[in-house]
Amino acid sequence: MTDLDATTRTELEAAAFRRLVAHLQARTDVQNIALMNLAGFCRNCLSNWLLDAARERDVPMTKDESREAVYGMPYEEWKARHQSEATPEQKAAFPGPGPH
């Protein structure tokens, strides 16, 4: 990817980000704690990274807006519809929040 111009690289990265978000929105069966335990990041991390990028560029965005962009609906609604209680094993394996 080093031979790409900056615009093309940004477009490809943006497309990959959108595909990742769409994938996570479709896979509501995959809980955030499972993502954290396996990959070291979750939907909340991704929404925080989006918010950080907006703030770095002085783009107005709230935490709720960044979460809705990642979850595809208000966060509280997603939790009510899709979030289940973590198992004792998942809780024991949870390393804590990842770097933001």
C-alpha atoms as a PDB file:
ATOM      1  CA  MET A   1       0.000   0.000   0.000  1.00  0.00           C
ATOM      2  CA  THR A   2       2.997   2.297   0.075  1.00  0.00           C
ATOM      3  CA  ASP A   3       2.616   3.005  -3.655  1.00  0.00           C
ATOM      4  CA  LEU A   4      -0.888   4.460  -3.215  1.00  0.00           C
ATOM      5  CA  ASP A   5      -1.562   8.151  -3.192  1.00  0.00           C
ATOM      6  CA  ALA A   6      -2.976   9.541   0.056  1.00  0.00           C
ATOM      7  CA  THR A   7      -6.513   9.956  -1.291  1.00  0.00           C
ATOM      8  CA  THR A   8      -6.743   6.380  -2.574  1.00  0.00           C
ATOM      9  CA  ARG A   9      -5.290   5.013   0.665  1.00  0.00           C
ATOM     10  CA  THR A  10      -7.835   7.002   2.697  1.00  0.00           C
ATOM     11  CA  GLU A  11     -10.681   5.787   0.482  1.00  0.00           C
ATOM     12  CA  LEU A  12      -9.593   2.151   0.890  1.00  0.00           C
ATOM     13  CA  GLU A  13      -9.205   2.511   4.641  1.00  0.00           C
ATOM     14  CA  ALA A  14     -12.625   4.181   4.885  1.00  0.00           C
ATOM     15  CA  ALA A  15     -14.204   1.364   2.865  1.00  0.00           C
ATOM     16  CA  ALA A  16     -12.596  -1.233   5.141  1.00  0.00           C
ATOM     17  CA  PHE A  17     -13.841   0.657   8.214  1.00  0.00           C
ATOM     18  CA  ARG A  18     -17.388   0.773   6.828  1.00  0.00           C
ATOM     19  CA  ARG A  19     -17.252  -2.956   6.095  1.00  0.00           C
ATOM     20  CA  LEU A  20     -16.002  -3.718   9.610  1.00  0.00           C
ATOM     21  CA  VAL A  21     -18.800  -1.616  11.118  1.00  0.00           C
ATOM     22  CA  ALA A  22     -21.413  -3.322   8.914  1.00  0.00           C
ATOM     23  CA  HIS A  23     -20.023  -6.719   9.905  1.00  0.00           C
ATOM     24  CA  LEU A  24     -20.200  -5.878  13.616  1.00  0.00           C
ATOM     25  CA  GLN A  25     -23.737  -4.521  13.200  1.00  0.00           C
ATOM     26  CA  ALA A  26     -24.792  -7.782  11.537  1.00  0.00           C
ATOM     27  CA  ARG A  27     -23.071  -9.970  14.143  1.00  0.00           C
ATOM     28  CA  THR A  28     -25.131  -8.952  17.160  1.00  0.00           C
ATOM     29  CA  ASP A  29     -24.547 -12.460  18.529  1.00  0.00           C
ATOM     30  CA  VAL A  30     -20.914 -11.558  19.172  1.00  0.00           C
ATOM     31  CA  GLN A  31     -20.694  -9.835  22.524  1.00  0.00           C
ATOM     32  CA  ASN A  32     -18.273  -6.990  23.236  1.00  0.00           C
ATOM     33  CA  ILE A  33     -16.571  -8.923  26.034  1.00  0.00           C
ATOM     34  CA  ALA A  34     -15.855 -11.762  23.599  1.00  0.00           C
ATOM     35  CA  LEU A  35     -14.323  -9.268  21.171  1.00  0.00           C
ATOM     36  CA  MET A  36     -12.218  -7.746  23.959  1.00  0.00           C
ATOM     37  CA  ASN A  37     -11.038 -11.137  25.189  1.00  0.00           C
ATOM     38  CA  LEU A  38     -10.110 -12.328  21.693  1.00  0.00           C
ATOM     39  CA  ALA A  39      -9.073  -9.186  19.835  1.00  0.00           C
ATOM     40  CA  GLY A  40      -8.367  -6.572  22.486  1.00  0.00           C
ATOM     41  CA  PHE A  41     -11.002  -4.171  21.163  1.00  0.00           C
ATOM     42  CA  CYS A  42     -14.776  -3.999  20.874  1.00  0.00           C
ATOM     43  CA  ARG A  43     -17.552  -1.850  19.440  1.00  0.00           C
ATOM     44  CA  ASN A  44     -17.093   0.682  22.240  1.00  0.00           C
ATOM     45  CA  CYS A  45     -13.387   0.986  21.435  1.00  0.00           C
ATOM     46  CA  LEU A  46     -14.188   1.504  17.762  1.00  0.00           C
ATOM     47  CA  SER A  47     -16.732   4.202  18.599  1.00  0.00           C
ATOM     48  CA  ASN A  48     -14.188   5.893  20.887  1.00  0.00           C
ATOM     49  CA  TRP A  49     -11.595   5.851  18.094  1.00  0.00           C
ATOM     50  CA  LEU A  50     -14.134   7.438  15.764  1.00  0.00           C
ATOM     51  CA  LEU A  51     -14.845  10.113  18.367  1.00  0.00           C
ATOM     52  CA  ASP A  52     -11.117  10.721  18.881  1.00  0.00           C
ATOM     53  CA  ALA A  53     -10.656  11.166  15.114  1.00  0.00           C
ATOM     54  CA  ALA A  54     -13.538  13.633  14.991  1.00  0.00           C
ATOM     55  CA  ARG A  55     -12.126  15.649  17.885  1.00  0.00           C
ATOM     56  CA  GLU A  56      -8.644  15.698  16.312  1.00  0.00           C
ATOM     57  CA  ARG A  57     -10.215  17.297  13.240  1.00  0.00           C
ATOM     58  CA  ASP A  58     -12.543  19.644  15.164  1.00  0.00           C
ATOM     59  CA  VAL A  59     -15.584  17.799  13.810  1.00  0.00           C
ATOM     60  CA  PRO A  60     -18.502  18.094  16.211  1.00  0.00           C
ATOM     61  CA  MET A  61     -19.536  14.662  17.450  1.00  0.00           C
ATOM     62  CA  THR A  62     -20.836  13.347  20.754  1.00  0.00           C
ATOM     63  CA  LYS A  63     -20.086  10.014  22.367  1.00  0.00           C
ATOM     64  CA  ASP A  64     -23.695   8.996  21.722  1.00  0.00           C
ATOM     65  CA  GLU A  65     -23.335   9.881  18.025  1.00  0.00           C
ATOM     66  CA  SER A  66     -20.114   7.908  17.662  1.00  0.00           C
ATOM     67  CA  ARG A  67     -21.689   4.895  19.343  1.00  0.00           C
ATOM     68  CA  GLU A  68     -24.770   5.090  17.144  1.00  0.00           C
ATOM     69  CA  ALA A  69     -22.508   5.228  14.073  1.00  0.00           C
ATOM     70  CA  VAL A  70     -20.861   1.960  15.160  1.00  0.00           C
ATOM     71  CA  TYR A  71     -23.847   0.147  16.670  1.00  0.00           C
ATOM     72  CA  GLY A  72     -26.335   1.228  13.993  1.00  0.00           C
ATOM     73  CA  MET A  73     -28.795   2.352  16.667  1.00  0.00           C
ATOM     74  CA  PRO A  74     -28.667   4.140  20.014  1.00  0.00           C
ATOM     75  CA  TYR A  75     -26.326   2.293  22.375  1.00  0.00           C
ATOM     76  CA  GLU A  76     -28.967   1.732  25.062  1.00  0.00           C
ATOM     77  CA  GLU A  77     -31.284   0.199  22.468  1.00  0.00           C
ATOM     78  CA  TRP A  78     -28.524  -2.131  21.237  1.00  0.00           C
ATOM     79  CA  LYS A  79     -27.780  -3.228  24.800  1.00  0.00           C
ATOM     80  CA  ALA A  80     -31.456  -3.929  25.503  1.00  0.00           C
ATOM     81  CA  ARG A  81     -31.851  -5.923  22.280  1.00  0.00           C
ATOM     82  CA  HIS A  82     -28.558  -7.769  22.016  1.00  0.00           C
ATOM     83  CA  GLN A  83     -26.332  -7.643  25.088  1.00  0.00           C
ATOM     84  CA  SER A  84     -26.328 -10.650  27.363  1.00  0.00           C
ATOM     85  CA  GLU A  85     -24.688 -11.127  30.727  1.00  0.00           C
ATOM     86  CA  ALA A  86     -21.043 -12.117  30.479  1.00  0.00           C
ATOM     87  CA  THR A  87     -20.231 -15.590  31.683  1.00  0.00           C
ATOM     88  CA  PRO A  88     -17.983 -16.042  34.726  1.00  0.00           C
ATOM     89  CA  GLU A  89     -15.296 -17.370  32.355  1.00  0.00           C
ATOM     90  CA  GLN A  90     -15.544 -14.275  30.138  1.00  0.00           C
ATOM     91  CA  LYS A  91     -15.354 -11.990  33.163  1.00  0.00           C
ATOM     92  CA  ALA A  92     -12.313 -13.844  34.508  1.00  0.00           C
ATOM     93  CA  ALA A  93     -10.530 -13.617  31.138  1.00  0.00           C
ATOM     94  CA  PHE A  94     -11.343  -9.915  30.642  1.00  0.00           C
ATOM     95  CA  PRO A  95      -8.075  -7.962  30.740  1.00  0.00           C
ATOM     96  CA  GLY A  96      -9.847  -4.648  31.285  1.00  0.00           C
ATOM     97  CA  PRO A  97     -10.479  -1.822  28.855  1.00  0.00           C
ATOM     98  CA  GLY A  98      -8.063  -1.605  25.977  1.00  0.00           C
ATOM     99  CA  PRO A  99      -6.113   1.491  24.996  1.00  0.00           C
ATOM    100  CA  HIS A 100      -8.195   4.168  23.336  1.00  0.00           C
END
